[in-house]
């Protein structure tokens, strides 16, 4: 194999690897998005907590019936 053919093979292999890496990154992103999906009702609950601000543990226990 002459040098030019070897370089063409290397370029071809690098292009293939680049395509595969992009595909793997997209798959990882899809998996990450699935694993970190937050249910809309949880988002609403978090927003209401942010609006109300923080409360004391006694108020929390009274409101939610859970002792901290």
N, C-alpha and C. Protein backbone atom coordinates (compact mmCIF):
# COMPACT_ATOMS: atom_id res chain seq x y z
N UNK A 1 0.86 -1.17 0.00
CA UNK A 1 0.00 0.00 0.00
C UNK A 1 0.91 1.23 0.00
N UNK A 2 0.64 2.10 -0.95
CA UNK A 2 1.47 3.30 -1.01
C UNK A 2 0.98 4.31 0.02
N UNK A 3 1.79 5.30 0.26
CA UNK A 3 1.51 6.30 1.31
C UNK A 3 0.18 7.02 1.10
N UNK A 4 -0.13 7.39 -0.14
CA UNK A 4 -1.38 8.10 -0.43
C UNK A 4 -2.60 7.24 -0.10
N UNK A 5 -2.53 5.95 -0.44
CA UNK A 5 -3.63 5.04 -0.14
C UNK A 5 -3.79 4.88 1.37
N UNK A 6 -2.68 4.82 2.08
CA UNK A 6 -2.72 4.70 3.53
C UNK A 6 -3.37 5.94 4.15
N UNK A 7 -3.00 7.11 3.66
CA UNK A 7 -3.61 8.35 4.17
C UNK A 7 -5.10 8.41 3.87
N UNK A 8 -5.50 7.96 2.69
CA UNK A 8 -6.93 7.93 2.34
C UNK A 8 -7.69 6.97 3.27
N UNK A 9 -7.08 5.83 3.56
CA UNK A 9 -7.69 4.87 4.49
C UNK A 9 -7.84 5.48 5.88
N UNK A 10 -6.83 6.18 6.33
CA UNK A 10 -6.89 6.83 7.65
C UNK A 10 -8.00 7.88 7.67
N UNK A 11 -8.11 8.68 6.62
CA UNK A 11 -9.15 9.70 6.53
C UNK A 11 -10.53 9.03 6.55
N UNK A 12 -10.66 7.96 5.80
CA UNK A 12 -11.93 7.23 5.76
C UNK A 12 -12.28 6.68 7.13
N UNK A 13 -11.31 6.09 7.81
CA UNK A 13 -11.54 5.55 9.14
C UNK A 13 -11.91 6.66 10.13
N UNK A 14 -11.26 7.79 10.04
CA UNK A 14 -11.58 8.92 10.93
C UNK A 14 -12.98 9.45 10.68
N UNK A 15 -13.39 9.51 9.41
CA UNK A 15 -14.76 9.95 9.10
C UNK A 15 -15.77 8.97 9.69
N UNK A 16 -15.49 7.69 9.56
CA UNK A 16 -16.37 6.67 10.13
C UNK A 16 -16.47 6.83 11.64
N UNK A 17 -15.34 7.00 12.30
CA UNK A 17 -15.33 7.17 13.75
C UNK A 17 -16.07 8.42 14.18
N UNK A 18 -15.92 9.50 13.42
CA UNK A 18 -16.62 10.74 13.73
C UNK A 18 -18.13 10.53 13.69
N UNK A 19 -18.61 9.84 12.67
CA UNK A 19 -20.04 9.56 12.54
C UNK A 19 -20.52 8.71 13.71
N UNK A 20 -19.74 7.70 14.07
CA UNK A 20 -20.12 6.82 15.19
C UNK A 20 -20.14 7.58 16.52
N UNK A 21 -19.17 8.44 16.74
CA UNK A 21 -19.13 9.23 17.98
C UNK A 21 -20.33 10.15 18.07
N UNK A 22 -20.70 10.79 16.98
CA UNK A 22 -21.87 11.66 16.97
C UNK A 22 -23.12 10.85 17.29
N UNK A 23 -23.24 9.66 16.71
CA UNK A 23 -24.38 8.79 16.98
C UNK A 23 -24.42 8.38 18.46
N UNK A 24 -23.29 8.04 19.02
CA UNK A 24 -23.23 7.66 20.43
C UNK A 24 -23.60 8.84 21.32
N UNK A 25 -23.11 10.04 21.00
CA UNK A 25 -23.45 11.23 21.79
C UNK A 25 -24.95 11.49 21.76
N UNK A 26 -25.58 11.33 20.60
CA UNK A 26 -27.03 11.54 20.49
C UNK A 26 -27.78 10.50 21.32
N UNK A 27 -27.33 9.27 21.28
CA UNK A 27 -27.97 8.22 22.07
C UNK A 27 -27.83 8.50 23.56
N UNK A 28 -26.66 8.91 23.98
CA UNK A 28 -26.44 9.24 25.39
C UNK A 28 -27.33 10.39 25.82
N UNK A 29 -27.47 11.39 24.97
CA UNK A 29 -28.33 12.53 25.29
C UNK A 29 -29.79 12.09 25.43
N UNK A 30 -30.24 11.20 24.54
CA UNK A 30 -31.61 10.68 24.63
C UNK A 30 -31.82 9.91 25.93
N UNK A 31 -30.86 9.08 26.29
CA UNK A 31 -30.95 8.31 27.53
C UNK A 31 -30.95 9.25 28.73
N UNK A 32 -30.08 10.25 28.71
CA UNK A 32 -30.01 11.22 29.80
C UNK A 32 -31.33 11.96 29.96
N UNK A 33 -31.92 12.36 28.84
CA UNK A 33 -33.20 13.06 28.90
C UNK A 33 -34.30 12.17 29.45
N UNK A 34 -34.29 10.88 29.10
CA UNK A 34 -35.28 9.95 29.62
C UNK A 34 -35.11 9.74 31.12
N UNK A 35 -33.87 9.65 31.56
CA UNK A 35 -33.61 9.40 32.97
C UNK A 35 -33.91 10.60 33.85
N UNK A 36 -33.80 11.79 33.29
CA UNK A 36 -33.99 13.00 34.07
C UNK A 36 -35.30 13.71 33.75
N UNK A 37 -36.26 12.94 33.24
CA UNK A 37 -37.56 13.52 32.94
C UNK A 37 -38.28 13.82 34.26
N UNK A 38 -38.78 15.02 34.38
CA UNK A 38 -39.50 15.42 35.58
C UNK A 38 -40.98 15.53 35.23
N UNK A 39 -41.79 14.86 36.03
CA UNK A 39 -43.23 14.89 35.78
C UNK A 39 -43.75 16.31 35.97
N UNK A 40 -44.70 16.73 35.12
CA UNK A 40 -45.24 18.10 35.22
C UNK A 40 -45.80 18.44 36.60
N UNK A 41 -46.42 17.45 37.26
CA UNK A 41 -46.99 17.75 38.58
C UNK A 41 -45.89 18.05 39.60
N UNK A 42 -44.72 17.45 39.44
CA UNK A 42 -43.61 17.76 40.34
C UNK A 42 -43.09 19.17 40.09
N UNK A 43 -43.07 19.57 38.85
CA UNK A 43 -42.64 20.93 38.53
C UNK A 43 -43.60 21.94 39.14
N UNK A 44 -44.90 21.65 39.05
CA UNK A 44 -45.89 22.56 39.66
C UNK A 44 -45.70 22.63 41.17
N UNK A 45 -45.45 21.49 41.80
CA UNK A 45 -45.23 21.48 43.24
C UNK A 45 -43.99 22.29 43.62
N UNK A 46 -42.92 22.12 42.84
CA UNK A 46 -41.71 22.89 43.11
C UNK A 46 -41.93 24.39 42.94
N UNK A 47 -42.70 24.76 41.92
CA UNK A 47 -42.99 26.18 41.71
C UNK A 47 -43.80 26.75 42.86
N UNK A 48 -44.76 25.98 43.37
CA UNK A 48 -45.56 26.48 44.50
C UNK A 48 -44.69 26.61 45.75
N UNK A 49 -43.76 25.69 45.93
CA UNK A 49 -42.85 25.79 47.08
C UNK A 49 -41.98 27.03 46.96
N UNK A 50 -41.49 27.30 45.74
CA UNK A 50 -40.67 28.50 45.53
C UNK A 50 -41.47 29.76 45.83
N UNK A 51 -42.73 29.79 45.43
CA UNK A 51 -43.57 30.97 45.68
C UNK A 51 -43.80 31.18 47.16
N UNK A 52 -44.03 30.08 47.89
CA UNK A 52 -44.31 30.19 49.32
C UNK A 52 -43.07 30.51 50.13
N UNK A 53 -41.93 30.12 49.63
CA UNK A 53 -40.69 30.34 50.38
C UNK A 53 -40.47 29.24 51.39
N UNK A 54 -39.58 29.46 52.31
CA UNK A 54 -39.26 28.43 53.30
C UNK A 54 -40.18 28.58 54.50
N UNK A 55 -40.35 27.46 55.22
CA UNK A 55 -41.17 27.47 56.43
C UNK A 55 -40.41 26.74 57.53
N UNK A 56 -40.82 26.95 58.74
CA UNK A 56 -40.18 26.28 59.88
C UNK A 56 -40.59 24.81 59.88
N UNK A 57 -39.84 24.01 60.62
CA UNK A 57 -40.16 22.59 60.68
C UNK A 57 -41.51 22.35 61.35
N UNK A 58 -41.87 23.18 62.31
CA UNK A 58 -43.17 23.04 62.97
C UNK A 58 -44.30 23.33 61.98
N UNK A 59 -44.14 24.40 61.19
CA UNK A 59 -45.15 24.72 60.18
C UNK A 59 -45.23 23.62 59.12
N UNK A 60 -44.08 23.07 58.76
CA UNK A 60 -44.04 21.99 57.77
C UNK A 60 -44.81 20.78 58.29
N UNK A 61 -44.54 20.44 59.55
CA UNK A 61 -45.22 19.29 60.15
C UNK A 61 -46.73 19.52 60.21
N UNK A 62 -47.13 20.72 60.55
CA UNK A 62 -48.54 21.05 60.63
C UNK A 62 -49.20 21.00 59.25
N UNK A 63 -48.52 21.51 58.26
CA UNK A 63 -49.10 21.60 56.92
C UNK A 63 -49.12 20.24 56.22
N UNK A 64 -48.04 19.47 56.34
CA UNK A 64 -47.92 18.23 55.59
C UNK A 64 -48.07 16.96 56.43
N UNK A 65 -48.09 17.11 57.73
CA UNK A 65 -48.24 15.95 58.60
C UNK A 65 -47.01 15.06 58.65
N UNK A 66 -45.87 15.62 58.32
CA UNK A 66 -44.63 14.86 58.33
C UNK A 66 -43.65 15.55 59.28
N UNK A 67 -43.09 14.78 60.18
CA UNK A 67 -42.16 15.37 61.14
C UNK A 67 -40.76 15.34 60.57
N UNK A 68 -40.07 16.45 60.64
CA UNK A 68 -38.70 16.54 60.15
C UNK A 68 -37.71 16.16 61.22
